Amino acid sequence: MEVKIKKLDPRAKLPRYGSPAAAGADLYALLDEPITVEPHATAVLHTGISAEIPEGNVGLVFARSSLGIKRGLAPANKVGVIDADYRGEIMVGLHNHSDAPQTVEPFERVAQLAIVPFIHADFTESEALSDTLRGEGGFGSTGRK
């Protein structure tokens, strides 16, 4: 599937997959100099790119496991959603969940972008829903193991 990427800044890097089987392509911080994200604070990082997500798909922005696990840096909104009709800059709100300041370097990989098909549902009001074994049980109702 072709996804057109527009560079909004000539220095911007196109998303790139880290391996042939990778589901997410790396997004790069477009910074003039390193920035420090203070503990429990959020910084909005530019990528310098916009995308034309094919209709029927969504761009999902996920954390990079190395940043999240090793440094406590992850998208502030957990998963970013890029709709097919959005043409603005892709930005990453990176939150520091750790107790230590974390520095992000220019052109560092800060998130990953997955292009995912979706179903656009027709929501209809109903007086009743079908029965299931689980029923209304939620938040741990199926047990821990």
Protein backbone atom coordinates (compact mmCIF):
# COMPACT_ATOMS: atom_id res chain seq x y z
CA MET A 1 0.00 0.00 0.00
CA GLU A 2 1.34 3.41 -0.92
CA VAL A 3 1.21 6.13 1.73
CA LYS A 4 2.19 9.54 0.41
CA ILE A 5 4.38 11.56 2.78
CA LYS A 6 4.93 15.29 2.40
CA LYS A 7 8.04 16.81 3.93
CA LEU A 8 7.09 20.09 5.59
CA ASP A 9 10.77 20.73 6.30
CA PRO A 10 13.58 19.50 4.02
CA ARG A 11 15.43 18.07 7.04
CA ALA A 12 12.52 15.79 7.98
CA LYS A 13 12.98 12.04 7.72
CA LEU A 14 10.43 9.74 6.14
CA PRO A 15 9.02 6.98 8.39
CA ARG A 16 11.16 3.87 8.15
CA TYR A 17 10.62 0.26 9.20
CA GLY A 18 13.33 -1.16 11.47
CA SER A 19 13.03 -4.67 10.04
CA PRO A 20 11.22 -6.42 7.18
CA ALA A 21 8.50 -7.78 9.52
CA ALA A 22 8.00 -4.61 11.59
CA ALA A 23 4.37 -3.47 11.90
CA GLY A 24 5.28 0.11 12.84
CA ALA A 25 7.52 2.54 10.98
CA ASP A 26 9.72 4.82 13.08
CA LEU A 27 8.85 8.52 13.38
CA TYR A 28 11.73 10.94 13.93
CA ALA A 29 11.88 14.08 16.05
CA LEU A 30 12.56 17.19 13.98
CA LEU A 31 14.54 19.26 16.48
CA ASP A 32 17.15 21.99 16.08
CA GLU A 33 18.75 21.00 19.38
CA PRO A 34 18.21 18.39 22.10
CA ILE A 35 15.25 18.97 24.40
CA THR A 36 14.75 17.73 27.92
CA VAL A 37 11.40 16.34 28.99
CA GLU A 38 11.12 16.84 32.74
CA PRO A 39 9.71 14.07 34.96
CA HIS A 40 5.94 13.66 34.58
CA ALA A 41 5.84 16.39 31.91
CA THR A 42 4.89 16.28 28.23
CA ALA A 43 6.67 17.77 25.23
CA VAL A 44 5.07 18.05 21.79
CA LEU A 45 7.60 17.05 19.15
CA HIS A 46 7.45 17.95 15.48
CA THR A 47 8.19 15.31 12.84
CA GLY A 48 8.16 17.72 9.89
CA ILE A 49 5.94 15.41 7.83
CA SER A 50 2.30 15.02 6.90
CA ALA A 51 0.69 11.94 5.38
CA GLU A 52 -2.08 10.91 3.04
CA ILE A 53 -3.50 7.86 4.80
CA PRO A 54 -5.50 5.80 2.29
CA GLU A 55 -9.27 5.89 2.88
CA GLY A 56 -10.48 2.95 4.96
CA ASN A 57 -7.26 3.02 6.99
CA VAL A 58 -6.03 4.90 10.02
CA GLY A 59 -2.51 5.85 11.07
CA LEU A 60 -1.90 4.79 14.68
CA VAL A 61 1.03 6.31 16.57
CA PHE A 62 2.42 3.97 19.22
CA ALA A 63 5.28 4.10 21.72
CA ARG A 64 8.65 2.68 20.83
CA SER A 65 9.32 -0.09 23.34
CA SER A 66 12.92 1.00 23.93
CA LEU A 67 11.83 4.52 24.92
CA GLY A 68 8.89 3.37 27.00
CA ILE A 69 10.62 0.60 28.91
CA LYS A 70 14.14 1.98 29.24
CA ARG A 71 13.40 5.72 29.58
CA GLY A 72 9.73 6.09 30.49
CA LEU A 73 8.91 8.09 27.33
CA ALA A 74 5.63 7.28 25.58
CA PRO A 75 2.91 9.13 23.66
CA ALA A 76 0.87 11.21 26.10
CA ASN A 77 -2.41 10.11 24.53
CA LYS A 78 -1.27 6.45 24.61
CA VAL A 79 -2.19 5.89 20.93
CA GLY A 80 -2.36 8.73 18.46
CA VAL A 81 -4.98 8.56 15.73
CA ILE A 82 -4.33 10.01 12.26
CA ASP A 83 -7.55 10.00 10.26
CA ALA A 84 -7.47 9.52 6.48
CA ASP A 85 -8.74 13.08 5.91
CA TYR A 86 -6.09 14.77 8.11
CA ARG A 87 -3.33 16.55 6.19
CA GLY A 88 -1.56 18.45 8.96
CA GLU A 89 1.80 17.74 10.51
CA ILE A 90 2.21 14.51 12.43
CA MET A 91 3.30 15.48 15.91
CA VAL A 92 4.08 13.31 18.93
CA GLY A 93 3.14 14.38 22.44
CA LEU A 94 5.86 12.54 24.37
CA HIS A 95 5.23 12.11 28.10
CA ASN A 96 7.98 11.33 30.61
CA HIS A 97 6.56 8.76 33.04
CA SER A 98 9.89 8.46 34.87
CA ASP A 99 11.25 10.37 37.85
CA ALA A 100 14.32 11.56 35.92
CA PRO A 101 14.67 14.17 33.16
CA GLN A 102 14.98 12.58 29.71
CA THR A 103 16.74 14.21 26.77
CA VAL A 104 15.51 13.69 23.20
CA GLU A 105 18.11 14.25 20.50
CA PRO A 106 17.46 15.74 17.04
CA PHE A 107 16.26 13.06 14.60
CA GLU A 108 15.87 10.49 17.38
CA ARG A 109 13.18 7.87 16.78
CA VAL A 110 10.35 8.90 19.12
CA ALA A 111 7.31 6.81 18.13
CA GLN A 112 6.13 4.35 15.52
CA LEU A 113 3.39 4.64 12.93
CA ALA A 114 1.21 1.69 11.93
CA ILE A 115 -1.27 1.90 9.05
CA VAL A 116 -4.32 -0.16 9.98
CA PRO A 117 -7.61 -0.88 8.17
CA PHE A 118 -10.79 -0.22 10.12
CA ILE A 119 -14.52 -0.77 9.89
CA HIS A 120 -16.73 2.31 9.92
CA ALA A 121 -19.72 1.10 11.99
CA ASP A 122 -23.35 2.10 11.72
CA PHE A 123 -24.40 2.72 15.32
CA THR A 124 -28.08 2.00 15.90
CA GLU A 125 -30.04 2.34 19.11
CA SER A 126 -31.46 -0.90 20.47
CA GLU A 127 -33.68 -1.75 23.43
CA ALA A 128 -31.81 -5.02 24.04
CA LEU A 129 -28.48 -6.73 23.24
CA SER A 130 -27.82 -10.43 22.73
CA ASP A 131 -26.88 -12.50 25.80
CA THR A 132 -23.34 -13.83 26.35
CA LEU A 133 -21.67 -15.90 29.06
CA ARG A 134 -19.77 -12.82 30.23
CA GLY A 135 -22.78 -10.53 30.20
CA GLU A 136 -22.13 -7.20 31.91
CA GLY A 137 -18.96 -8.34 33.71
CA GLY A 138 -16.04 -5.99 33.17
CA PHE A 139 -12.72 -4.88 34.68
CA GLY A 140 -11.32 -8.20 35.79
CA SER A 141 -14.54 -10.19 35.63
CA THR A 142 -12.85 -13.00 33.67
CA GLY A 143 -10.19 -13.55 36.37
CA ARG A 144 -6.45 -13.11 36.60
CA LYS A 145 -5.20 -16.45 35.26
